[in-house]
Amino acid sequence: MTHAIFMYGSNLDREQLKTRAKNWDLKAQKAYLPKHELRFNKRKQDKSAAANICPHPTRSVWGIIVKLNNEDLYEMDFREGHPKHYARKPHTVYTFDEQKAVEVDIYIAQPKFIDDTLHPSREYLQKIIDGGHFCGLPGDYLKAIEQQRLI
């Protein structure tokens, strides 16, 4: 059985994703989640911020859809701290090329780990930017991420 997962944060980094999903076939489809925004408000153990998705009336979050088998999904759940740190929730995203609706699961931070005073590290943000360029995410979207305040 395969599971469609929407990756949007540091999991855009191909090398990181390959270590977490050893059976992944390297195929990914560019997609976006409307009416949400990318936020850096999930508290990490080192007190820096990780990426999260929050509702927003006009913005979209860009990422990729990957298909994971049960073994890789289990590993991804472990790495994302599901269900304690991030909950894996069903959502509908839209493919970039065809504007086709796709049902996926997305990791969203649990409320007790959200802190809007935090900022990401330079290394963490760079993984997202480099991964986003590699995946072909929109330049203006990545430029906005580059403007993020760092710790």
N, C-alpha and C. Protein backbone atom coordinates (compact mmCIF):
# COMPACT_ATOMS: atom_id res chain seq x y z
N MET A 1 0.85 -1.19 0.00
CA MET A 1 0.00 0.00 0.00
C MET A 1 0.89 1.24 0.00
N THR A 2 0.49 2.24 -0.79
CA THR A 2 1.25 3.49 -0.80
C THR A 2 0.41 4.61 -0.19
N HIS A 3 1.13 5.59 0.35
CA HIS A 3 0.51 6.72 1.02
C HIS A 3 1.04 8.00 0.38
N ALA A 4 0.15 8.88 -0.05
CA ALA A 4 0.55 10.17 -0.63
C ALA A 4 0.76 11.16 0.52
N ILE A 5 1.97 11.72 0.59
CA ILE A 5 2.33 12.66 1.64
C ILE A 5 2.78 13.96 1.00
N PHE A 6 2.30 15.09 1.52
CA PHE A 6 2.70 16.41 1.04
C PHE A 6 3.88 16.88 1.89
N MET A 7 5.04 17.06 1.25
CA MET A 7 6.26 17.52 1.93
C MET A 7 6.44 19.01 1.65
N TYR A 8 6.72 19.77 2.71
CA TYR A 8 6.80 21.22 2.54
C TYR A 8 7.96 21.88 3.28
N GLY A 9 8.58 21.27 4.21
CA GLY A 9 9.64 21.90 5.01
C GLY A 9 10.99 21.34 4.62
N SER A 10 11.76 20.94 5.62
CA SER A 10 13.10 20.41 5.34
C SER A 10 13.03 19.10 4.57
N ASN A 11 11.88 18.47 4.51
CA ASN A 11 11.73 17.24 3.71
C ASN A 11 11.71 17.53 2.21
N LEU A 12 11.78 18.80 1.82
CA LEU A 12 11.99 19.13 0.41
C LEU A 12 13.43 18.80 0.01
N ASP A 13 14.31 18.73 0.99
CA ASP A 13 15.72 18.40 0.74
C ASP A 13 15.81 16.93 0.34
N ARG A 14 16.24 16.70 -0.88
CA ARG A 14 16.23 15.35 -1.44
C ARG A 14 17.06 14.37 -0.62
N GLU A 15 18.23 14.80 -0.18
CA GLU A 15 19.09 13.90 0.60
C GLU A 15 18.44 13.52 1.92
N GLN A 16 17.84 14.49 2.59
CA GLN A 16 17.15 14.19 3.84
C GLN A 16 15.99 13.23 3.60
N LEU A 17 15.23 13.51 2.55
CA LEU A 17 14.07 12.66 2.26
C LEU A 17 14.49 11.23 1.92
N LYS A 18 15.60 11.09 1.20
CA LYS A 18 16.08 9.74 0.85
C LYS A 18 16.51 8.96 2.09
N THR A 19 17.04 9.65 3.11
CA THR A 19 17.43 8.93 4.33
C THR A 19 16.21 8.53 5.15
N ARG A 20 15.13 9.27 5.01
CA ARG A 20 13.91 8.97 5.77
C ARG A 20 12.99 8.01 5.04
N ALA A 21 13.10 7.95 3.74
CA ALA A 21 12.23 7.11 2.92
C ALA A 21 13.11 6.28 1.99
N LYS A 22 13.70 5.25 2.54
CA LYS A 22 14.71 4.46 1.81
C LYS A 22 14.15 3.76 0.57
N ASN A 23 12.86 3.50 0.54
CA ASN A 23 12.24 2.82 -0.61
C ASN A 23 11.59 3.79 -1.59
N TRP A 24 11.69 5.09 -1.32
CA TRP A 24 11.11 6.11 -2.18
C TRP A 24 11.71 6.00 -3.57
N ASP A 25 10.88 6.09 -4.59
CA ASP A 25 11.34 5.92 -5.98
C ASP A 25 11.86 7.22 -6.60
N LEU A 26 12.04 8.26 -5.81
CA LEU A 26 12.56 9.57 -6.22
C LEU A 26 11.59 10.35 -7.09
N LYS A 27 10.38 9.86 -7.25
CA LYS A 27 9.36 10.60 -7.99
C LYS A 27 8.65 11.54 -7.04
N ALA A 28 8.38 12.74 -7.52
CA ALA A 28 7.66 13.74 -6.73
C ALA A 28 6.86 14.61 -7.67
N GLN A 29 5.73 15.07 -7.19
CA GLN A 29 4.87 15.94 -7.98
C GLN A 29 4.71 17.27 -7.26
N LYS A 30 5.01 18.34 -7.95
CA LYS A 30 4.89 19.68 -7.38
C LYS A 30 3.41 19.99 -7.14
N ALA A 31 3.11 20.55 -5.95
CA ALA A 31 1.71 20.82 -5.60
C ALA A 31 1.65 21.98 -4.61
N TYR A 32 0.42 22.44 -4.37
CA TYR A 32 0.24 23.51 -3.38
C TYR A 32 -1.02 23.25 -2.56
N LEU A 33 -0.98 23.77 -1.34
CA LEU A 33 -2.10 23.70 -0.41
C LEU A 33 -2.68 25.10 -0.29
N PRO A 34 -3.87 25.35 -0.84
CA PRO A 34 -4.44 26.70 -0.76
C PRO A 34 -4.98 27.01 0.63
N LYS A 35 -5.13 28.31 0.88
CA LYS A 35 -5.71 28.82 2.13
C LYS A 35 -4.92 28.40 3.37
N HIS A 36 -3.61 28.28 3.20
CA HIS A 36 -2.69 27.99 4.29
C HIS A 36 -1.40 28.77 4.04
N GLU A 37 -0.61 28.93 5.11
CA GLU A 37 0.69 29.58 4.94
C GLU A 37 1.76 28.79 5.67
N LEU A 38 2.99 28.94 5.18
CA LEU A 38 4.14 28.34 5.82
C LEU A 38 4.54 29.23 6.98
N ARG A 39 4.67 28.64 8.15
CA ARG A 39 5.10 29.37 9.34
C ARG A 39 6.27 28.62 9.95
N PHE A 40 7.12 29.35 10.64
CA PHE A 40 8.23 28.74 11.38
C PHE A 40 7.92 28.94 12.85
N ASN A 41 7.05 28.10 13.35
CA ASN A 41 6.60 28.26 14.74
C ASN A 41 6.51 26.94 15.50
N LYS A 42 7.08 25.87 14.95
CA LYS A 42 7.08 24.59 15.66
C LYS A 42 8.39 24.51 16.45
N ARG A 43 8.28 24.43 17.75
CA ARG A 43 9.46 24.40 18.63
C ARG A 43 10.22 23.09 18.47
N LYS A 44 11.53 23.22 18.15
CA LYS A 44 12.42 22.07 18.07
C LYS A 44 13.11 21.90 19.42
N GLN A 45 13.78 20.78 19.60
CA GLN A 45 14.48 20.53 20.87
C GLN A 45 15.55 21.57 21.16
N ASP A 46 16.18 22.10 20.11
CA ASP A 46 17.24 23.10 20.32
C ASP A 46 16.68 24.52 20.48
N LYS A 47 15.36 24.63 20.60
CA LYS A 47 14.64 25.91 20.80
C LYS A 47 14.60 26.79 19.55
N SER A 48 15.01 26.24 18.40
CA SER A 48 14.81 26.96 17.15
C SER A 48 13.46 26.53 16.58
N ALA A 49 13.09 27.10 15.44
CA ALA A 49 11.78 26.81 14.85
C ALA A 49 11.89 25.86 13.66
N ALA A 50 10.91 25.00 13.56
CA ALA A 50 10.75 24.14 12.39
C ALA A 50 9.52 24.63 11.61
N ALA A 51 9.40 24.17 10.39
CA ALA A 51 8.29 24.57 9.53
C ALA A 51 6.98 23.96 10.02
N ASN A 52 5.92 24.70 9.75
CA ASN A 52 4.57 24.28 10.09
C ASN A 52 3.62 24.91 9.08
N ILE A 53 2.42 24.40 9.03
CA ILE A 53 1.38 24.94 8.15
C ILE A 53 0.23 25.43 9.01
N CYS A 54 -0.22 26.65 8.72
CA CYS A 54 -1.34 27.25 9.45
C CYS A 54 -2.36 27.80 8.45
N PRO A 55 -3.63 27.80 8.81
CA PRO A 55 -4.66 28.37 7.93
C PRO A 55 -4.39 29.84 7.64
N HIS A 56 -4.69 30.25 6.42
CA HIS A 56 -4.58 31.65 6.00
C HIS A 56 -5.57 31.86 4.85
N PRO A 57 -6.32 32.95 4.84
CA PRO A 57 -7.39 33.10 3.84
C PRO A 57 -6.93 33.24 2.39
N THR A 58 -5.71 33.75 2.15
CA THR A 58 -5.32 34.04 0.77
C THR A 58 -4.02 33.39 0.32
N ARG A 59 -3.24 32.84 1.21
CA ARG A 59 -1.93 32.30 0.83
C ARG A 59 -2.00 30.81 0.52
N SER A 60 -0.90 30.32 -0.05
CA SER A 60 -0.76 28.89 -0.34
C SER A 60 0.62 28.41 0.11
N VAL A 61 0.70 27.15 0.44
CA VAL A 61 1.97 26.51 0.78
C VAL A 61 2.34 25.60 -0.38
N TRP A 62 3.58 25.74 -0.86
CA TRP A 62 4.07 24.91 -1.96
C TRP A 62 4.90 23.77 -1.41
N GLY A 63 4.85 22.65 -2.12
CA GLY A 63 5.65 21.49 -1.72
C GLY A 63 5.57 20.43 -2.79
N ILE A 64 5.83 19.20 -2.37
CA ILE A 64 5.80 18.07 -3.29
C ILE A 64 4.97 16.94 -2.70
N ILE A 65 4.36 16.19 -3.58
CA ILE A 65 3.66 14.97 -3.19
C ILE A 65 4.60 13.80 -3.45
N VAL A 66 4.83 13.00 -2.42
CA VAL A 66 5.62 11.78 -2.59
C VAL A 66 4.75 10.60 -2.15
N LYS A 67 5.03 9.46 -2.73
CA LYS A 67 4.30 8.24 -2.36
C LYS A 67 5.24 7.36 -1.56
N LEU A 68 4.79 7.00 -0.35
CA LEU A 68 5.60 6.18 0.55
C LEU A 68 4.91 4.85 0.82
N ASN A 69 5.71 3.81 0.93
CA ASN A 69 5.15 2.52 1.33
C ASN A 69 4.99 2.51 2.85
N ASN A 70 4.43 1.44 3.39
CA ASN A 70 4.17 1.38 4.83
C ASN A 70 5.43 1.52 5.67
N GLU A 71 6.51 0.89 5.24
CA GLU A 71 7.78 0.96 5.98
C GLU A 71 8.30 2.40 6.03
N ASP A 72 8.29 3.08 4.89
CA ASP A 72 8.77 4.46 4.85
C ASP A 72 7.84 5.41 5.59
N LEU A 73 6.54 5.14 5.55
CA LEU A 73 5.61 5.97 6.31
C LEU A 73 5.88 5.83 7.80
N TYR A 74 6.14 4.63 8.26
CA TYR A 74 6.46 4.40 9.66
C TYR A 74 7.71 5.19 10.05
N GLU A 75 8.74 5.15 9.20
CA GLU A 75 9.98 5.89 9.47
C GLU A 75 9.73 7.40 9.46
N MET A 76 8.94 7.87 8.50
CA MET A 76 8.63 9.30 8.44
C MET A 76 7.85 9.73 9.67
N ASP A 77 6.89 8.94 10.09
CA ASP A 77 6.15 9.24 11.32
C ASP A 77 7.11 9.37 12.50
N PHE A 78 8.05 8.45 12.60
CA PHE A 78 9.03 8.49 13.69
C PHE A 78 9.86 9.77 13.61
N ARG A 79 10.39 10.09 12.43
CA ARG A 79 11.26 11.27 12.27
C ARG A 79 10.51 12.57 12.50
N GLU A 80 9.23 12.61 12.16
CA GLU A 80 8.43 13.82 12.35
C GLU A 80 7.82 13.90 13.75
N GLY A 81 8.03 12.86 14.54
CA GLY A 81 7.50 12.87 15.90
C GLY A 81 5.99 12.70 15.95
N HIS A 82 5.45 11.96 14.99
CA HIS A 82 4.00 11.70 14.96
C HIS A 82 3.67 10.59 15.94
N PRO A 83 2.70 10.74 16.78
CA PRO A 83 1.70 11.82 16.84
C PRO A 83 1.98 12.90 17.89
N LYS A 84 3.08 12.80 18.62
CA LYS A 84 3.31 13.75 19.71
C LYS A 84 3.63 15.17 19.20
N HIS A 85 4.61 15.32 18.31
CA HIS A 85 5.05 16.64 17.86
C HIS A 85 4.27 17.14 16.64
N TYR A 86 4.09 16.27 15.68
CA TYR A 86 3.31 16.59 14.48
C TYR A 86 2.20 15.56 14.34
N ALA A 87 1.03 16.02 13.95
CA ALA A 87 -0.07 15.12 13.61
C ALA A 87 -0.08 14.96 12.09
N ARG A 88 -0.33 13.76 11.62
CA ARG A 88 -0.47 13.52 10.19
C ARG A 88 -1.95 13.60 9.87
N LYS A 89 -2.33 14.65 9.10
CA LYS A 89 -3.75 14.91 8.85
C LYS A 89 -4.06 14.89 7.35
N PRO A 90 -5.25 14.43 6.99
CA PRO A 90 -5.64 14.43 5.58
C PRO A 90 -6.02 15.84 5.10
N HIS A 91 -5.59 16.15 3.88
CA HIS A 91 -5.91 17.42 3.24
C HIS A 91 -5.99 17.20 1.74
N THR A 92 -6.50 18.19 1.05
CA THR A 92 -6.51 18.18 -0.41
C THR A 92 -5.52 19.22 -0.90
N VAL A 93 -4.58 18.79 -1.75
CA VAL A 93 -3.66 19.71 -2.40
C VAL A 93 -3.94 19.66 -3.89
N TYR A 94 -3.33 20.59 -4.63
CA TYR A 94 -3.56 20.68 -6.07
C TYR A 94 -2.24 20.63 -6.80
N THR A 95 -2.19 19.80 -7.84
CA THR A 95 -0.96 19.68 -8.61
C THR A 95 -0.71 20.95 -9.40
N PHE A 96 0.55 21.26 -9.57
CA PHE A 96 0.95 22.49 -10.25
C PHE A 96 0.57 22.45 -11.73
N ASP A 97 0.88 21.36 -12.39
CA ASP A 97 0.69 21.28 -13.84
C ASP A 97 -0.77 21.16 -14.26
N GLU A 98 -1.49 20.25 -13.62
CA GLU A 98 -2.85 19.95 -14.07
C GLU A 98 -3.94 20.56 -13.20
N GLN A 99 -3.57 21.18 -12.08
CA GLN A 99 -4.55 21.71 -11.13
C GLN A 99 -5.51 20.62 -10.67
N LYS A 100 -4.98 19.40 -10.57
CA LYS A 100 -5.79 18.25 -10.17
C LYS A 100 -5.77 18.13 -8.65
N ALA A 101 -6.94 17.90 -8.04
CA ALA A 101 -7.04 17.71 -6.59
C ALA A 101 -6.49 16.33 -6.23
N VAL A 102 -5.65 16.30 -5.19
CA VAL A 102 -5.06 15.05 -4.72
C VAL A 102 -5.23 14.98 -3.20
N GLU A 103 -5.75 13.86 -2.73
CA GLU A 103 -5.87 13.65 -1.28
C GLU A 103 -4.53 13.16 -0.74
N VAL A 104 -4.02 13.87 0.25
CA VAL A 104 -2.72 13.56 0.84
C VAL A 104 -2.81 13.65 2.36
N ASP A 105 -1.76 13.20 3.00
CA ASP A 105 -1.58 13.46 4.43
C ASP A 105 -0.49 14.51 4.56
N ILE A 106 -0.64 15.37 5.56
CA ILE A 106 0.32 16.45 5.82
C ILE A 106 0.66 16.44 7.30
N TYR A 107 1.94 16.63 7.60
CA TYR A 107 2.36 16.75 9.00
C TYR A 107 2.16 18.19 9.46
N ILE A 108 1.35 18.37 10.50
CA ILE A 108 1.05 19.69 11.06
C ILE A 108 1.37 19.66 12.54
N ALA A 109 2.06 20.70 13.01
CA ALA A 109 2.52 20.74 14.41
C ALA A 109 1.35 20.68 15.39
N GLN A 110 1.58 19.95 16.46
CA GLN A 110 0.61 19.88 17.55
C GLN A 110 0.62 21.21 18.31
N PRO A 111 -0.54 21.69 18.73
CA PRO A 111 -0.65 23.02 19.37
C PRO A 111 0.31 23.26 20.53
N LYS A 112 0.59 22.25 21.34
CA LYS A 112 1.45 22.51 22.50
C LYS A 112 2.92 22.74 22.12
N PHE A 113 3.28 22.51 20.85
CA PHE A 113 4.64 22.76 20.39
C PHE A 113 4.75 24.00 19.52
N ILE A 114 3.69 24.78 19.42
CA ILE A 114 3.70 26.00 18.61
C ILE A 114 4.10 27.19 19.47
N ASP A 115 5.07 27.95 18.95
CA ASP A 115 5.56 29.15 19.64
C ASP A 115 5.91 30.18 18.56
N ASP A 116 5.10 31.22 18.46
CA ASP A 116 5.28 32.22 17.41
C ASP A 116 6.45 33.17 17.65
N THR A 117 7.18 33.00 18.74
CA THR A 117 8.35 33.87 19.00
C THR A 117 9.64 33.25 18.46
N LEU A 118 9.59 32.05 17.93
CA LEU A 118 10.79 31.35 17.48
C LEU A 118 11.16 31.71 16.05
N HIS A 119 12.42 31.38 15.70
CA HIS A 119 12.93 31.59 14.34
C HIS A 119 13.76 30.37 13.95
N PRO A 120 13.82 30.06 12.65
CA PRO A 120 14.61 28.91 12.21
C PRO A 120 16.11 29.22 12.18
N SER A 121 16.91 28.16 12.19
CA SER A 121 18.36 28.33 12.02
C SER A 121 18.65 28.54 10.54
N ARG A 122 19.82 29.10 10.26
CA ARG A 122 20.23 29.32 8.86
C ARG A 122 20.32 27.98 8.12
N GLU A 123 20.89 26.97 8.77
CA GLU A 123 21.06 25.67 8.13
C GLU A 123 19.71 25.04 7.78
N TYR A 124 18.78 25.13 8.70
CA TYR A 124 17.45 24.56 8.48
C TYR A 124 16.76 25.27 7.31
N LEU A 125 16.79 26.59 7.32
CA LEU A 125 16.15 27.36 6.26
C LEU A 125 16.79 27.07 4.91
N GLN A 126 18.11 26.93 4.90
CA GLN A 126 18.82 26.66 3.65
C GLN A 126 18.40 25.33 3.05
N LYS A 127 18.15 24.32 3.88
CA LYS A 127 17.66 23.03 3.39
C LYS A 127 16.35 23.20 2.63
N ILE A 128 15.47 24.02 3.18
CA ILE A 128 14.17 24.25 2.55
C ILE A 128 14.34 25.00 1.23
N ILE A 129 15.17 26.02 1.23
CA ILE A 129 15.39 26.82 0.02
C ILE A 129 16.04 25.98 -1.07
N ASP A 130 17.11 25.27 -0.72
CA ASP A 130 17.79 24.42 -1.71
C ASP A 130 16.86 23.34 -2.23
N GLY A 131 16.11 22.70 -1.33
CA GLY A 131 15.16 21.68 -1.75
C GLY A 131 14.07 22.25 -2.63
N GLY A 132 13.60 23.44 -2.28
CA GLY A 132 12.57 24.10 -3.09
C GLY A 132 13.04 24.42 -4.49
N HIS A 133 14.30 24.89 -4.61
CA HIS A 133 14.86 25.15 -5.94
C HIS A 133 14.97 23.85 -6.73
N PHE A 134 15.47 22.81 -6.08
CA PHE A 134 15.62 21.52 -6.75
C PHE A 134 14.27 20.99 -7.25
N CYS A 135 13.23 21.19 -6.45
CA CYS A 135 11.89 20.70 -6.80
C CYS A 135 11.16 21.61 -7.78
N GLY A 136 11.72 22.79 -8.05
CA GLY A 136 11.10 23.71 -8.99
C GLY A 136 9.94 24.51 -8.42
N LEU A 137 9.97 24.77 -7.11
CA LEU A 137 8.92 25.59 -6.51
C LEU A 137 9.04 27.03 -7.00
N PRO A 138 7.96 27.80 -6.99
CA PRO A 138 7.98 29.16 -7.53
C PRO A 138 9.04 30.05 -6.86
N GLY A 139 9.72 30.82 -7.69
CA GLY A 139 10.79 31.69 -7.21
C GLY A 139 10.33 32.71 -6.19
N ASP A 140 9.16 33.31 -6.39
CA ASP A 140 8.68 34.32 -5.44
C ASP A 140 8.36 33.68 -4.09
N TYR A 141 7.90 32.46 -4.09
CA TYR A 141 7.62 31.73 -2.85
C TYR A 141 8.93 31.49 -2.09
N LEU A 142 9.96 31.03 -2.81
CA LEU A 142 11.25 30.77 -2.18
C LEU A 142 11.92 32.06 -1.72
N LYS A 143 11.75 33.13 -2.47
CA LYS A 143 12.32 34.42 -2.07
C LYS A 143 11.70 34.88 -0.76
N ALA A 144 10.41 34.67 -0.58
CA ALA A 144 9.75 35.04 0.68
C ALA A 144 10.32 34.22 1.84
N ILE A 145 10.61 32.96 1.60
CA ILE A 145 11.21 32.12 2.65
C ILE A 145 12.61 32.64 2.99
N GLU A 146 13.35 33.05 1.98
CA GLU A 146 14.71 33.58 2.21
C GLU A 146 14.69 34.80 3.11
N GLN A 147 13.60 35.54 3.13
CA GLN A 147 13.49 36.75 3.94
C GLN A 147 13.17 36.46 5.41
N GLN A 148 12.97 35.20 5.73
CA GLN A 148 12.61 34.81 7.09
C GLN A 148 13.70 35.22 8.08
N ARG A 149 13.29 35.77 9.19
CA ARG A 149 14.24 36.12 10.26
C ARG A 149 14.83 34.84 10.85
N LEU A 150 16.13 34.87 11.12
CA LEU A 150 16.84 33.70 11.63
C LEU A 150 17.19 33.88 13.10
N ILE A 151 17.54 32.75 13.75
CA ILE A 151 17.99 32.84 15.14
C ILE A 151 19.41 33.36 15.16
